């Protein structure tokens, strides 16, 4: 009887651990996309850091074409002077957020590889 109880506890614990891992992976996989989807023009650099965390790379806009949701350039997006780049640890993707000289969001783009 004691072996059956131990086995039940082991199997139950294993199921709980597996469900927790799946939940964490799902959260990690969608974290940047959820923050990106809610990002609005004019958001401050401090707010971006609160939502996204520390960027994987900080660059300037000379390496990317400033756009808003990959919809092409416009006058506001072209004021981009600095970018924050975020990389997912578990999926292919790059989220780029561009800021103007005042530290306000003026562009955002998502790049993925097939």
N, C-alpha and C. Protein backbone atom coordinates (compact mmCIF):
# COMPACT_ATOMS: atom_id res chain seq x y z
N UNK A 1 0.81 -1.20 0.00
CA UNK A 1 0.00 0.00 0.00
C UNK A 1 0.86 1.28 0.00
N UNK A 2 1.94 1.28 0.76
CA UNK A 2 2.79 2.46 0.84
C UNK A 2 3.45 2.75 -0.51
N UNK A 3 3.76 1.68 -1.26
CA UNK A 3 4.38 1.88 -2.58
C UNK A 3 3.38 2.54 -3.53
N UNK A 4 2.13 2.17 -3.45
CA UNK A 4 1.09 2.77 -4.29
C UNK A 4 0.90 4.24 -3.99
N UNK A 5 0.95 4.59 -2.71
CA UNK A 5 0.81 6.00 -2.32
C UNK A 5 2.00 6.81 -2.83
N UNK A 6 3.20 6.25 -2.64
CA UNK A 6 4.40 6.94 -3.13
C UNK A 6 4.36 7.14 -4.64
N UNK A 7 3.93 6.10 -5.33
CA UNK A 7 3.83 6.18 -6.78
C UNK A 7 2.81 7.25 -7.18
N UNK A 8 1.69 7.30 -6.49
CA UNK A 8 0.67 8.31 -6.77
C UNK A 8 1.18 9.71 -6.51
N UNK A 9 1.91 9.89 -5.42
CA UNK A 9 2.50 11.20 -5.11
C UNK A 9 3.53 11.58 -6.18
N UNK A 10 4.34 10.62 -6.58
CA UNK A 10 5.35 10.87 -7.61
C UNK A 10 4.70 11.28 -8.93
N UNK A 11 3.71 10.51 -9.36
CA UNK A 11 3.02 10.80 -10.62
C UNK A 11 2.31 12.15 -10.54
N UNK A 12 1.64 12.43 -9.43
CA UNK A 12 0.97 13.72 -9.26
C UNK A 12 1.95 14.88 -9.29
N UNK A 13 3.09 14.71 -8.62
CA UNK A 13 4.12 15.75 -8.62
C UNK A 13 4.69 15.95 -10.01
N UNK A 14 4.91 14.85 -10.73
CA UNK A 14 5.43 14.94 -12.08
C UNK A 14 4.47 15.69 -13.00
N UNK A 15 3.19 15.44 -12.86
CA UNK A 15 2.18 16.14 -13.67
C UNK A 15 2.19 17.63 -13.35
N UNK A 16 2.26 17.97 -12.08
CA UNK A 16 2.29 19.38 -11.67
C UNK A 16 3.53 20.08 -12.23
N UNK A 17 4.68 19.44 -12.15
CA UNK A 17 5.91 20.02 -12.67
C UNK A 17 5.80 20.22 -14.18
N UNK A 18 5.28 19.23 -14.89
CA UNK A 18 5.12 19.34 -16.35
C UNK A 18 4.18 20.49 -16.72
N UNK A 19 3.08 20.61 -16.00
CA UNK A 19 2.14 21.71 -16.27
C UNK A 19 2.78 23.07 -15.99
N UNK A 20 3.57 23.14 -14.93
CA UNK A 20 4.25 24.40 -14.61
C UNK A 20 5.26 24.77 -15.70
N UNK A 21 5.99 23.79 -16.20
CA UNK A 21 6.95 24.04 -17.28
C UNK A 21 6.23 24.53 -18.54
N UNK A 22 5.13 23.90 -18.89
CA UNK A 22 4.36 24.31 -20.06
C UNK A 22 3.86 25.74 -19.89
N UNK A 23 3.37 26.08 -18.68
CA UNK A 23 2.87 27.43 -18.43
C UNK A 23 3.98 28.47 -18.55
N UNK A 24 5.15 28.17 -18.01
CA UNK A 24 6.28 29.10 -18.08
C UNK A 24 6.72 29.28 -19.53
N UNK A 25 6.83 28.19 -20.28
CA UNK A 25 7.24 28.29 -21.68
C UNK A 25 6.24 29.08 -22.50
N UNK A 26 4.97 28.86 -22.24
CA UNK A 26 3.93 29.61 -22.97
C UNK A 26 4.02 31.10 -22.65
N UNK A 27 4.21 31.43 -21.37
CA UNK A 27 4.35 32.83 -20.96
C UNK A 27 5.58 33.45 -21.62
N UNK A 28 6.71 32.76 -21.58
CA UNK A 28 7.94 33.27 -22.20
C UNK A 28 7.78 33.47 -23.70
N UNK A 29 7.10 32.56 -24.33
CA UNK A 29 6.95 32.63 -25.79
C UNK A 29 6.10 33.81 -26.22
N UNK A 30 5.15 34.21 -25.40
CA UNK A 30 4.24 35.29 -25.78
C UNK A 30 4.52 36.61 -25.06
N UNK A 31 5.50 36.65 -24.17
CA UNK A 31 5.76 37.83 -23.35
C UNK A 31 6.02 39.08 -24.20
N UNK A 32 7.02 39.02 -25.08
CA UNK A 32 7.37 40.18 -25.89
C UNK A 32 6.25 40.55 -26.86
N UNK A 33 5.58 39.55 -27.41
CA UNK A 33 4.52 39.85 -28.38
C UNK A 33 3.37 40.59 -27.71
N UNK A 34 3.00 40.19 -26.49
CA UNK A 34 1.92 40.89 -25.77
C UNK A 34 2.32 42.33 -25.47
N UNK A 35 3.55 42.53 -25.01
CA UNK A 35 4.03 43.89 -24.72
C UNK A 35 4.10 44.72 -26.01
N UNK A 36 4.55 44.10 -27.09
CA UNK A 36 4.66 44.77 -28.38
C UNK A 36 3.28 45.19 -28.90
N UNK A 37 2.32 44.30 -28.80
CA UNK A 37 0.98 44.59 -29.31
C UNK A 37 0.34 45.78 -28.59
N UNK A 38 0.66 45.96 -27.33
CA UNK A 38 0.05 47.06 -26.57
C UNK A 38 0.87 48.35 -26.63
N UNK A 39 2.02 48.32 -27.30
CA UNK A 39 2.89 49.50 -27.37
C UNK A 39 2.28 50.57 -28.27
N UNK A 40 2.26 51.80 -27.76
CA UNK A 40 1.69 52.92 -28.48
C UNK A 40 2.78 53.96 -28.77
N UNK A 41 2.59 54.71 -29.83
CA UNK A 41 3.50 55.83 -30.12
C UNK A 41 3.48 56.80 -28.94
N UNK A 42 4.65 57.34 -28.65
CA UNK A 42 4.75 58.31 -27.58
C UNK A 42 5.07 57.71 -26.23
N UNK A 43 5.06 56.38 -26.12
CA UNK A 43 5.42 55.73 -24.86
C UNK A 43 6.85 56.11 -24.51
N UNK A 44 7.10 56.34 -23.24
CA UNK A 44 8.44 56.74 -22.82
C UNK A 44 9.39 55.55 -22.75
N UNK A 45 10.67 55.85 -22.80
CA UNK A 45 11.69 54.82 -22.70
C UNK A 45 11.57 54.07 -21.36
N UNK A 46 11.26 54.81 -20.29
CA UNK A 46 11.11 54.19 -18.98
C UNK A 46 9.95 53.18 -18.98
N UNK A 47 8.84 53.52 -19.62
CA UNK A 47 7.71 52.59 -19.70
C UNK A 47 8.05 51.35 -20.52
N UNK A 48 8.81 51.54 -21.60
CA UNK A 48 9.23 50.39 -22.41
C UNK A 48 10.10 49.47 -21.56
N UNK A 49 11.01 50.03 -20.79
CA UNK A 49 11.87 49.22 -19.93
C UNK A 49 11.06 48.48 -18.87
N UNK A 50 10.01 49.10 -18.35
CA UNK A 50 9.14 48.42 -17.38
C UNK A 50 8.42 47.24 -18.02
N UNK A 51 7.91 47.43 -19.22
CA UNK A 51 7.14 46.38 -19.89
C UNK A 51 8.01 45.26 -20.47
N UNK A 52 9.10 45.64 -21.12
CA UNK A 52 9.92 44.67 -21.84
C UNK A 52 11.14 44.20 -21.05
N UNK A 53 11.61 45.03 -20.15
CA UNK A 53 12.85 44.72 -19.46
C UNK A 53 14.05 45.26 -20.21
N UNK A 54 15.21 44.84 -19.79
CA UNK A 54 16.46 45.30 -20.40
C UNK A 54 16.56 44.75 -21.83
N UNK A 55 16.88 45.62 -22.79
CA UNK A 55 16.99 45.15 -24.18
C UNK A 55 18.22 44.26 -24.39
N UNK A 56 18.12 43.39 -25.37
CA UNK A 56 19.26 42.55 -25.72
C UNK A 56 20.35 43.34 -26.42
N UNK A 57 19.94 44.39 -27.10
CA UNK A 57 20.89 45.26 -27.82
C UNK A 57 20.29 46.65 -27.92
N UNK A 58 21.15 47.65 -27.79
CA UNK A 58 20.76 49.04 -28.00
C UNK A 58 21.56 49.54 -29.20
N UNK A 59 20.85 50.08 -30.17
CA UNK A 59 21.53 50.54 -31.37
C UNK A 59 20.97 51.86 -31.83
N UNK A 60 21.33 52.21 -33.05
CA UNK A 60 20.74 53.41 -33.64
C UNK A 60 19.93 53.01 -34.86
N UNK A 61 19.15 53.92 -35.34
CA UNK A 61 18.21 53.63 -36.42
C UNK A 61 18.86 53.49 -37.78
N UNK A 62 20.16 53.70 -37.86
CA UNK A 62 20.81 53.61 -39.16
C UNK A 62 20.85 52.17 -39.68
N UNK A 63 20.68 51.19 -38.80
CA UNK A 63 20.74 49.80 -39.23
C UNK A 63 19.38 49.21 -39.57
N UNK A 64 18.31 49.92 -39.26
CA UNK A 64 16.96 49.43 -39.54
C UNK A 64 16.17 50.51 -40.26
N UNK A 65 15.16 50.10 -40.97
CA UNK A 65 14.24 51.05 -41.60
C UNK A 65 13.11 51.31 -40.61
N UNK A 66 13.04 52.51 -40.05
CA UNK A 66 11.99 52.78 -39.06
C UNK A 66 10.59 52.65 -39.67
N UNK A 67 9.77 51.84 -39.05
CA UNK A 67 8.40 51.61 -39.49
C UNK A 67 7.49 51.53 -38.28
N UNK A 68 6.21 51.47 -38.52
CA UNK A 68 5.25 51.19 -37.45
C UNK A 68 4.56 49.90 -37.83
N UNK A 69 4.85 48.84 -37.10
CA UNK A 69 4.30 47.51 -37.37
C UNK A 69 4.59 47.04 -38.78
N UNK A 70 5.80 47.33 -39.26
CA UNK A 70 6.24 46.91 -40.60
C UNK A 70 5.35 47.45 -41.72
N UNK A 71 4.69 48.57 -41.48
CA UNK A 71 3.77 49.15 -42.46
C UNK A 71 4.40 50.27 -43.28
N UNK A 72 5.69 50.39 -43.28
CA UNK A 72 6.35 51.40 -44.10
C UNK A 72 6.69 52.64 -43.32
N UNK A 73 7.52 53.44 -43.92
CA UNK A 73 7.99 54.66 -43.26
C UNK A 73 6.91 55.74 -43.27
N UNK A 74 6.96 56.52 -42.25
CA UNK A 74 6.16 57.74 -42.23
C UNK A 74 7.01 58.82 -41.56
N UNK A 75 6.51 60.02 -41.55
CA UNK A 75 7.29 61.15 -41.05
C UNK A 75 7.70 60.97 -39.59
N UNK A 76 6.81 60.43 -38.78
CA UNK A 76 7.11 60.25 -37.35
C UNK A 76 8.19 59.18 -37.17
N UNK A 77 8.04 58.05 -37.86
CA UNK A 77 9.00 56.96 -37.72
C UNK A 77 10.40 57.40 -38.14
N UNK A 78 10.49 58.30 -39.07
CA UNK A 78 11.80 58.74 -39.55
C UNK A 78 12.56 59.60 -38.55
N UNK A 79 11.91 59.99 -37.44
CA UNK A 79 12.61 60.75 -36.40
C UNK A 79 13.36 59.83 -35.44
N UNK A 80 13.35 58.54 -35.72
CA UNK A 80 14.00 57.54 -34.87
C UNK A 80 15.50 57.79 -34.79
N UNK A 81 16.05 57.79 -33.56
CA UNK A 81 17.48 57.98 -33.38
C UNK A 81 18.13 56.84 -32.60
N UNK A 82 17.33 56.05 -31.87
CA UNK A 82 17.87 54.95 -31.08
C UNK A 82 16.89 53.79 -31.08
N UNK A 83 17.42 52.57 -31.03
CA UNK A 83 16.55 51.40 -30.99
C UNK A 83 16.89 50.51 -29.81
N UNK A 84 15.86 49.86 -29.29
CA UNK A 84 16.02 48.76 -28.34
C UNK A 84 15.62 47.50 -29.10
N UNK A 85 16.43 46.46 -29.00
CA UNK A 85 16.13 45.20 -29.66
C UNK A 85 15.96 44.12 -28.61
N UNK A 86 14.89 43.35 -28.77
CA UNK A 86 14.57 42.26 -27.85
C UNK A 86 14.52 40.95 -28.61
N UNK A 87 15.17 39.94 -28.05
CA UNK A 87 15.23 38.61 -28.65
C UNK A 87 14.55 37.62 -27.71
N UNK A 88 13.77 36.74 -28.26
CA UNK A 88 13.15 35.69 -27.46
C UNK A 88 14.17 34.59 -27.19
N UNK A 89 14.13 34.05 -25.98
CA UNK A 89 15.05 32.96 -25.64
C UNK A 89 14.56 31.61 -26.15
N UNK A 90 13.26 31.52 -26.45
CA UNK A 90 12.73 30.20 -26.82
C UNK A 90 12.07 30.16 -28.19
N UNK A 91 12.02 31.27 -28.89
CA UNK A 91 11.45 31.24 -30.24
C UNK A 91 12.22 32.23 -31.11
N UNK A 92 12.07 32.06 -32.41
CA UNK A 92 12.75 32.95 -33.35
C UNK A 92 11.96 34.24 -33.44
N UNK A 93 12.61 35.35 -33.22
CA UNK A 93 11.93 36.63 -33.34
C UNK A 93 12.79 37.76 -32.82
N UNK A 94 12.57 38.92 -33.38
CA UNK A 94 13.28 40.13 -32.98
C UNK A 94 12.27 41.27 -32.96
N UNK A 95 12.14 41.90 -31.81
CA UNK A 95 11.25 43.04 -31.66
C UNK A 95 12.13 44.28 -31.56
N UNK A 96 11.90 45.25 -32.44
CA UNK A 96 12.71 46.47 -32.48
C UNK A 96 11.81 47.65 -32.15
N UNK A 97 12.23 48.44 -31.18
CA UNK A 97 11.48 49.63 -30.77
C UNK A 97 12.38 50.83 -30.97
N UNK A 98 11.88 51.82 -31.73
CA UNK A 98 12.66 53.01 -32.02
C UNK A 98 12.19 54.21 -31.23
N UNK A 99 13.13 55.02 -30.79
CA UNK A 99 12.85 56.21 -30.00
C UNK A 99 13.35 57.46 -30.71
N UNK A 100 12.65 58.56 -30.48
CA UNK A 100 13.12 59.84 -31.00
C UNK A 100 14.11 60.45 -30.03
N UNK A 101 14.58 61.66 -30.31
CA UNK A 101 15.59 62.31 -29.46
C UNK A 101 15.08 62.61 -28.05
N UNK A 102 13.76 62.64 -27.87
CA UNK A 102 13.18 62.90 -26.55
C UNK A 102 12.89 61.61 -25.77
N UNK A 103 13.26 60.45 -26.33
CA UNK A 103 13.05 59.19 -25.64
C UNK A 103 11.63 58.66 -25.72
N UNK A 104 10.92 59.02 -26.76
CA UNK A 104 9.53 58.56 -26.97
C UNK A 104 9.50 57.58 -28.14
N UNK A 105 8.65 56.58 -28.03
CA UNK A 105 8.53 55.58 -29.09
C UNK A 105 7.96 56.21 -30.35
N UNK A 106 8.68 56.00 -31.46
CA UNK A 106 8.21 56.50 -32.77
C UNK A 106 8.12 55.39 -33.81
N UNK A 107 8.73 54.24 -33.52
CA UNK A 107 8.66 53.13 -34.48
C UNK A 107 8.72 51.81 -33.73
N UNK A 108 8.16 50.80 -34.36
CA UNK A 108 8.26 49.44 -33.83
C UNK A 108 8.14 48.47 -34.99
N UNK A 109 8.88 47.38 -34.87
CA UNK A 109 8.86 46.36 -35.92
C UNK A 109 9.14 45.00 -35.30
N UNK A 110 8.56 44.00 -35.91
CA UNK A 110 8.81 42.62 -35.52
C UNK A 110 9.39 41.89 -36.71
N UNK A 111 10.51 41.23 -36.51
CA UNK A 111 11.15 40.48 -37.57
C UNK A 111 11.25 39.02 -37.13
N UNK A 112 10.93 38.12 -38.05
CA UNK A 112 11.11 36.70 -37.73
C UNK A 112 11.68 35.99 -38.95
N UNK A 113 12.25 34.87 -38.70
CA UNK A 113 12.82 34.08 -39.78
C UNK A 113 11.94 32.85 -39.97
N UNK A 114 11.68 32.49 -41.20
CA UNK A 114 10.80 31.34 -41.44
C UNK A 114 11.34 30.04 -40.90
